[in-house]
Protein backbone atom coordinates (compact mmCIF):
# COMPACT_ATOMS: atom_id res chain seq x y z
CA UNK A 1 -12.25 167.18 76.32
CA UNK A 2 -12.49 168.77 79.83
CA UNK A 3 -9.09 171.19 80.53
CA UNK A 4 -7.11 170.23 77.36
CA UNK A 5 -9.38 172.02 74.71
CA UNK A 6 -7.75 175.33 76.78
CA UNK A 7 -4.44 174.19 76.16
CA UNK A 8 -4.10 175.58 72.41
CA UNK A 9 -4.94 179.42 73.42
CA UNK A 10 -2.09 179.10 76.10
CA UNK A 11 0.69 176.97 74.15
CA UNK A 12 1.89 179.44 72.00
CA UNK A 13 3.17 181.40 74.84
CA UNK A 14 5.83 178.45 74.85
CA UNK A 15 6.89 180.05 71.23
CA UNK A 16 8.44 183.35 73.07
CA UNK A 17 11.94 181.81 73.67
CA UNK A 18 12.18 179.49 70.92
CA UNK A 19 11.62 182.41 68.68
CA UNK A 20 14.68 184.45 70.84
CA UNK A 21 16.89 181.10 70.03
CA UNK A 22 15.81 180.36 66.73
CA UNK A 23 16.52 183.85 65.82
CA UNK A 24 19.80 183.99 66.94
CA UNK A 25 21.21 180.08 66.38
CA UNK A 26 19.36 178.69 63.50
CA UNK A 27 20.26 179.30 59.90
CA UNK A 28 17.33 182.58 58.58
CA UNK A 29 16.28 179.80 56.10
CA UNK A 30 15.72 177.19 58.73
CA UNK A 31 14.14 179.54 61.26
CA UNK A 32 11.47 181.40 59.26
CA UNK A 33 10.30 177.85 57.87
CA UNK A 34 10.00 176.30 61.62
CA UNK A 35 8.69 179.40 63.10
CA UNK A 36 5.98 180.47 60.38
CA UNK A 37 4.92 176.86 60.28
CA UNK A 38 4.68 176.55 63.93
CA UNK A 39 2.45 179.99 64.29
CA UNK A 40 0.09 179.29 61.37
CA UNK A 41 -0.64 175.72 63.21
CA UNK A 42 -0.67 177.43 66.86
CA UNK A 43 -2.98 179.97 65.27
CA UNK A 44 -5.33 177.23 63.86
CA UNK A 45 -5.57 175.43 66.78
CA UNK A 46 -6.60 178.33 69.19
CA UNK A 47 -9.07 179.53 66.77
CA UNK A 48 -10.71 176.00 66.91
CA UNK A 49 -10.63 176.06 70.42
CA UNK A 50 -12.43 179.32 70.62
CA UNK A 51 -15.19 177.48 67.99
CA UNK A 52 -15.35 173.86 70.85
CA UNK A 53 -15.50 176.53 73.57
CA UNK A 54 -18.25 178.42 72.24
CA UNK A 55 -20.38 175.95 71.13
CA UNK A 56 -19.74 173.58 74.78
CA UNK A 57 -20.65 176.41 76.57
CA UNK A 58 -23.75 177.73 74.49
CA UNK A 59 -25.55 174.54 73.77
CA UNK A 60 -26.76 173.81 77.74
CA UNK A 61 -28.02 177.77 77.87
CA UNK A 62 -32.23 178.21 76.56
CA UNK A 63 -33.04 179.71 74.03
CA UNK A 64 -30.36 179.01 71.57
CA UNK A 65 -30.59 177.98 68.00
CA UNK A 66 -28.66 174.22 67.94
CA UNK A 67 -30.39 170.89 68.28
CA UNK A 68 -32.64 170.43 71.50
CA UNK A 69 -30.46 166.93 71.97
CA UNK A 70 -27.42 168.90 72.70
CA UNK A 71 -28.88 169.97 76.00
CA UNK A 72 -29.98 167.04 77.16
CA UNK A 73 -28.73 166.26 80.47
CA UNK A 74 -26.67 162.97 79.40
CA UNK A 75 -25.11 164.76 76.67
CA UNK A 76 -24.51 167.86 79.80
CA UNK A 77 -22.65 164.82 81.71
CA UNK A 78 -20.57 163.98 78.98
CA UNK A 79 -19.32 166.95 77.58
CA UNK A 80 -17.52 169.13 80.13
CA UNK A 81 -18.39 173.23 79.86
CA UNK A 82 -18.07 176.21 81.16
CA UNK A 83 -21.02 179.17 80.55
CA UNK A 84 -18.64 182.15 81.02
CA UNK A 85 -16.12 180.61 78.61
CA UNK A 86 -18.62 179.39 76.05
CA UNK A 87 -20.27 183.42 76.01
CA UNK A 88 -16.67 185.15 76.09
CA UNK A 89 -15.37 182.86 73.72
CA UNK A 90 -18.40 184.42 71.33
CA UNK A 91 -16.88 187.59 70.71
CA UNK A 92 -13.14 186.54 70.59
CA UNK A 93 -14.19 184.33 67.88
CA UNK A 94 -15.66 186.99 66.14
CA UNK A 95 -12.97 189.21 66.63
CA UNK A 96 -10.38 186.59 65.19
CA UNK A 97 -12.32 186.49 62.44
CA UNK A 98 -12.75 190.45 61.27
CA UNK A 99 -9.35 190.84 62.38
CA UNK A 100 -7.90 188.05 60.16
CA UNK A 101 -10.46 188.90 57.33
CA UNK A 102 -9.55 192.66 57.39
CA UNK A 103 -5.88 191.64 57.26
CA UNK A 104 -6.30 189.49 54.07
CA UNK A 105 -8.47 192.32 52.42
CA UNK A 106 -5.65 194.74 53.34
CA UNK A 107 -2.87 192.54 51.64
CA UNK A 108 -4.83 191.77 48.83
CA UNK A 109 -6.00 195.67 48.32
CA UNK A 110 -2.34 196.72 48.59
CA UNK A 111 -1.15 193.80 45.85
CA UNK A 112 -3.60 195.31 43.57
CA UNK A 113 -2.68 198.90 43.85
CA UNK A 114 1.07 198.05 43.54
CA UNK A 115 0.10 195.73 40.36
CA UNK A 116 -2.46 198.52 39.11
CA UNK A 117 1.04 200.90 39.21
CA UNK A 118 2.88 198.45 37.25
CA UNK A 119 0.06 198.89 34.14
CA UNK A 120 1.87 199.89 30.81
CA UNK A 121 5.26 198.86 31.98
CA UNK A 122 7.04 195.71 29.99
CA UNK A 123 6.61 192.32 31.41
CA UNK A 124 10.00 191.84 32.39
CA UNK A 125 10.86 190.65 35.43
CA UNK A 126 12.24 193.92 36.96
CA UNK A 127 10.58 196.97 36.71
CA UNK A 128 11.42 200.41 37.27
CA UNK A 129 9.22 203.13 38.53
CA UNK A 130 9.35 206.86 37.41
CA UNK A 131 9.24 207.61 41.07
CA UNK A 132 11.55 210.38 43.55
CA UNK A 133 10.53 208.29 46.44
CA UNK A 134 12.97 205.47 47.46
CA UNK A 135 11.98 202.35 47.73
CA UNK A 136 12.01 198.84 46.56
CA UNK A 137 10.32 195.58 46.82
CA UNK A 138 9.24 192.12 45.72
CA UNK A 139 5.71 191.53 44.03
CA UNK A 140 4.63 187.93 44.11
CA UNK A 141 2.24 186.45 41.57
CA UNK A 142 1.93 184.17 38.52
CA UNK A 143 5.30 186.05 37.26
CA UNK A 144 7.07 187.31 39.79
CA UNK A 145 8.71 190.98 39.83
CA UNK A 146 11.29 193.15 41.35
CA UNK A 147 9.81 196.53 41.72
CA UNK A 148 12.30 199.54 42.42
CA UNK A 149 11.72 203.24 41.88
CA UNK A 150 14.16 205.36 40.10
CA UNK A 151 14.87 207.48 43.45
CA UNK A 152 15.92 204.13 45.22
CA UNK A 153 18.37 203.28 42.26
CA UNK A 154 20.06 206.55 41.60
CA UNK A 155 20.98 206.40 45.46
CA UNK A 156 22.99 202.80 45.01
CA UNK A 157 26.40 202.59 43.12
CA UNK A 158 26.00 199.58 40.08
CA UNK A 159 27.21 196.83 42.49
CA UNK A 160 24.62 197.70 45.14
CA UNK A 161 22.30 197.52 42.95
CA UNK A 162 22.93 194.28 41.43
CA UNK A 163 22.89 193.21 45.68
CA UNK A 164 18.89 195.17 45.55
CA UNK A 165 17.86 192.76 42.71
CA UNK A 166 19.54 189.71 43.92
CA UNK A 167 18.50 190.26 47.75
CA UNK A 168 14.30 190.37 45.90
CA UNK A 169 14.73 187.70 43.70
CA UNK A 170 15.64 185.72 46.54
CA UNK A 171 12.14 186.65 48.30
CA UNK A 172 10.67 185.72 45.35
CA UNK A 173 12.61 182.55 44.62
CA UNK A 174 12.20 181.61 48.45
CA UNK A 175 7.88 182.52 48.35
CA UNK A 176 8.95 184.67 51.95
CA UNK A 177 5.41 186.58 51.04
CA UNK A 178 3.89 183.18 52.33
CA UNK A 179 5.61 182.88 55.30
CA UNK A 180 4.86 186.79 56.56
CA UNK A 181 1.50 186.33 55.26
CA UNK A 182 1.08 183.01 57.59
CA UNK A 183 2.64 184.81 60.57
CA UNK A 184 0.80 187.88 60.19
CA UNK A 185 -2.98 186.20 60.02
CA UNK A 186 -1.34 184.00 63.31
CA UNK A 187 -0.45 187.27 65.25
CA UNK A 188 -3.83 188.15 64.42
CA UNK A 189 -5.50 185.35 65.38
CA UNK A 190 -4.05 185.03 68.66
CA UNK A 191 -1.68 187.66 70.01
CA UNK A 192 0.74 185.65 71.90
CA UNK A 193 1.83 184.76 68.55
CA UNK A 194 3.17 188.17 67.74
CA UNK A 195 6.59 187.46 68.77
CA UNK A 196 7.05 184.98 65.97
CA UNK A 197 5.76 187.81 63.23
CA UNK A 198 8.49 190.54 64.33
CA UNK A 199 11.10 186.87 63.80
CA UNK A 200 9.93 185.67 61.34
CA UNK A 201 9.82 188.96 58.94
CA UNK A 202 13.70 189.98 60.50
CA UNK A 203 14.66 185.83 59.60
CA UNK A 204 12.98 185.85 56.09
CA UNK A 205 14.95 189.59 55.13
CA UNK A 206 18.39 187.60 56.59
CA UNK A 207 17.58 184.85 54.12
CA UNK A 208 17.32 187.10 51.95
CA UNK A 209 20.40 189.01 52.75
CA UNK A 210 22.83 185.77 52.49
CA UNK A 211 21.08 184.59 49.22
CA UNK A 212 21.80 187.91 47.64
CA UNK A 213 25.49 187.69 49.49
CA UNK A 214 26.29 184.46 47.47
CA UNK A 215 24.82 185.95 44.59
CA UNK A 216 27.10 188.60 44.56
CA UNK A 217 29.85 187.18 46.38
CA UNK A 218 30.17 189.59 48.21
CA UNK A 219 28.61 190.41 51.95
CA UNK A 220 30.01 193.98 51.95
CA UNK A 221 28.44 195.07 49.46
CA UNK A 222 25.00 193.61 50.98
CA UNK A 223 25.73 195.31 53.68
CA UNK A 224 26.08 198.60 52.22
CA UNK A 225 22.98 198.48 49.83
CA UNK A 226 20.88 197.33 52.82
CA UNK A 227 22.47 200.29 54.65
CA UNK A 228 21.74 202.86 52.55
CA UNK A 229 18.26 202.01 51.50
CA UNK A 230 17.25 202.16 55.04
CA UNK A 231 18.28 205.38 55.21
CA UNK A 232 16.77 206.39 51.62
CA UNK A 233 13.60 204.44 52.39
CA UNK A 234 10.12 205.07 54.10
CA UNK A 235 9.20 201.34 54.44
CA UNK A 236 7.24 198.61 52.49
CA UNK A 237 3.72 199.07 51.07
CA UNK A 238 2.64 196.54 53.75
CA UNK A 239 4.04 194.37 56.29
CA UNK A 240 3.22 191.05 53.77
CA UNK A 241 5.53 192.54 50.80
CA UNK A 242 8.99 191.73 50.97
CA UNK A 243 11.52 194.82 50.65
CA UNK A 244 15.43 195.67 50.88
CA UNK A 245 14.57 197.67 54.01
CA UNK A 246 11.63 196.30 55.52
CA UNK A 247 12.24 194.44 58.53
CA UNK A 248 14.53 196.07 61.47
CA UNK A 249 16.75 196.41 63.25
CA UNK A 250 18.93 196.70 60.19
CA UNK A 251 21.79 197.45 62.14
CA UNK A 252 21.36 194.09 63.52
CA UNK A 253 21.30 192.70 59.56
CA UNK A 254 24.40 194.69 58.62
CA UNK A 255 26.39 193.50 61.79
CA UNK A 256 25.27 189.34 60.65
CA UNK A 257 26.87 189.64 56.78
CA UNK A 258 30.11 191.28 58.09
CA UNK A 259 30.43 188.26 59.55
CA UNK A 260 31.44 185.11 58.11
CA UNK A 261 28.37 183.37 56.90
CA UNK A 262 25.84 180.96 59.23
CA UNK A 263 25.91 177.28 58.47
CA UNK A 264 23.98 175.81 56.37
CA UNK A 265 22.64 172.68 58.62
CA UNK A 266 18.92 172.32 58.06
CA UNK A 267 18.71 171.07 61.68
CA UNK A 268 20.13 171.66 64.86
CA UNK A 269 21.77 168.85 67.15
CA UNK A 270 19.13 167.86 69.24
CA UNK A 271 21.48 167.81 72.55
CA UNK A 272 22.13 171.66 72.03
CA UNK A 273 20.01 174.38 73.69
CA UNK A 274 19.32 175.57 70.02
CA UNK A 275 17.92 172.24 69.14
CA UNK A 276 16.42 171.56 72.23
CA UNK A 277 14.18 174.65 71.44
CA UNK A 278 13.94 173.53 67.90
CA UNK A 279 12.33 169.94 69.07
CA UNK A 280 10.18 171.92 71.80
CA UNK A 281 8.67 173.94 69.34
CA UNK A 282 7.48 171.28 67.06
CA UNK A 283 6.57 169.31 70.43
CA UNK A 284 4.37 172.29 71.37
CA UNK A 285 3.07 172.48 68.03
CA UNK A 286 2.25 168.79 67.85
CA UNK A 287 0.43 168.33 71.15
CA UNK A 288 -1.33 171.55 70.62
CA UNK A 289 -2.80 169.97 66.90
CA UNK A 290 -3.28 166.75 68.79
CA UNK A 291 -4.92 168.59 71.89
CA UNK A 292 -7.54 170.31 69.22
CA UNK A 293 -8.12 167.09 67.06
CA UNK A 294 -9.16 165.11 69.65
CA UNK A 295 -11.41 167.74 71.70
CA UNK A 296 -13.42 168.07 68.55
CA UNK A 297 -13.35 164.67 67.20
CA UNK A 298 -14.93 163.92 70.96
CA UNK A 299 -17.26 166.70 70.71
CA UNK A 300 -18.06 165.92 67.31
CA UNK A 301 -18.86 161.92 68.16
CA UNK A 302 -20.96 163.14 71.09
CA UNK A 303 -22.83 165.57 69.98
CA UNK A 304 -23.87 163.56 66.89
CA UNK A 305 -25.15 160.52 68.70
CA UNK A 306 -27.46 163.11 70.35
CA UNK A 307 -28.76 164.75 67.49
CA UNK A 308 -32.12 164.01 66.35
CA UNK A 309 -32.30 162.43 63.45
């Protein structure tokens, strides 16, 4: 096990340049899926790493509630440990659990509040609230709905409204809330993953932009709708609720829509900068997962053998 147990804690640093390249060079659909998966795997591995450090580092301390066999000299010789790291892992792991728990609860609470605002309205795919404040977002669920305020619709032309609805339906169809929630929790679990959260928030919006442009048949119309919505909107209810003007910088999204549509290649060629970055991200996530799994299995076998029957 040794030093490899620390590896998942620092591997997320390698995702920073990957996130930048993916944002700029990959199709938004591919970038969103790749980075969300990488962030989720690295976050799970780093959390498991903290748990292993806590067990290994505190099993040797007197007065701990763990089985006595775990502090046996033979176990101590077989399991490399660091008491300082073990003690530091306790508050770190607690902070991760509290932070992720509070973020998940806030997401549930915001969703419930959004659903309560729709009580009494017809069960349609589009819900228009009589609110002068301009906003629009995609509310996921068993029957996902597009929610828009009267203030937002009043500021858009009919063509721009169609672009808005197409954008939000793209969020629902692709289940972007899952990608956003995954990277949001991952960033709470390991601060090194925050750049991936920012990038995925942006690429998910770009993905919906491209789907909306294909649906309405005009990239300029979608660009105008985004620009107007950004000027009017005050932001989404939460980072896990996809919205037309939720992710910045909006000027970059508008500029991308004024250029030709990106290539729809699912995976970049290997012998290119972005291809090597994509494969590097996948390799880094794999190494982190294998390192965590190897450390966990090794620790389990050693401590299981040392546990009195």
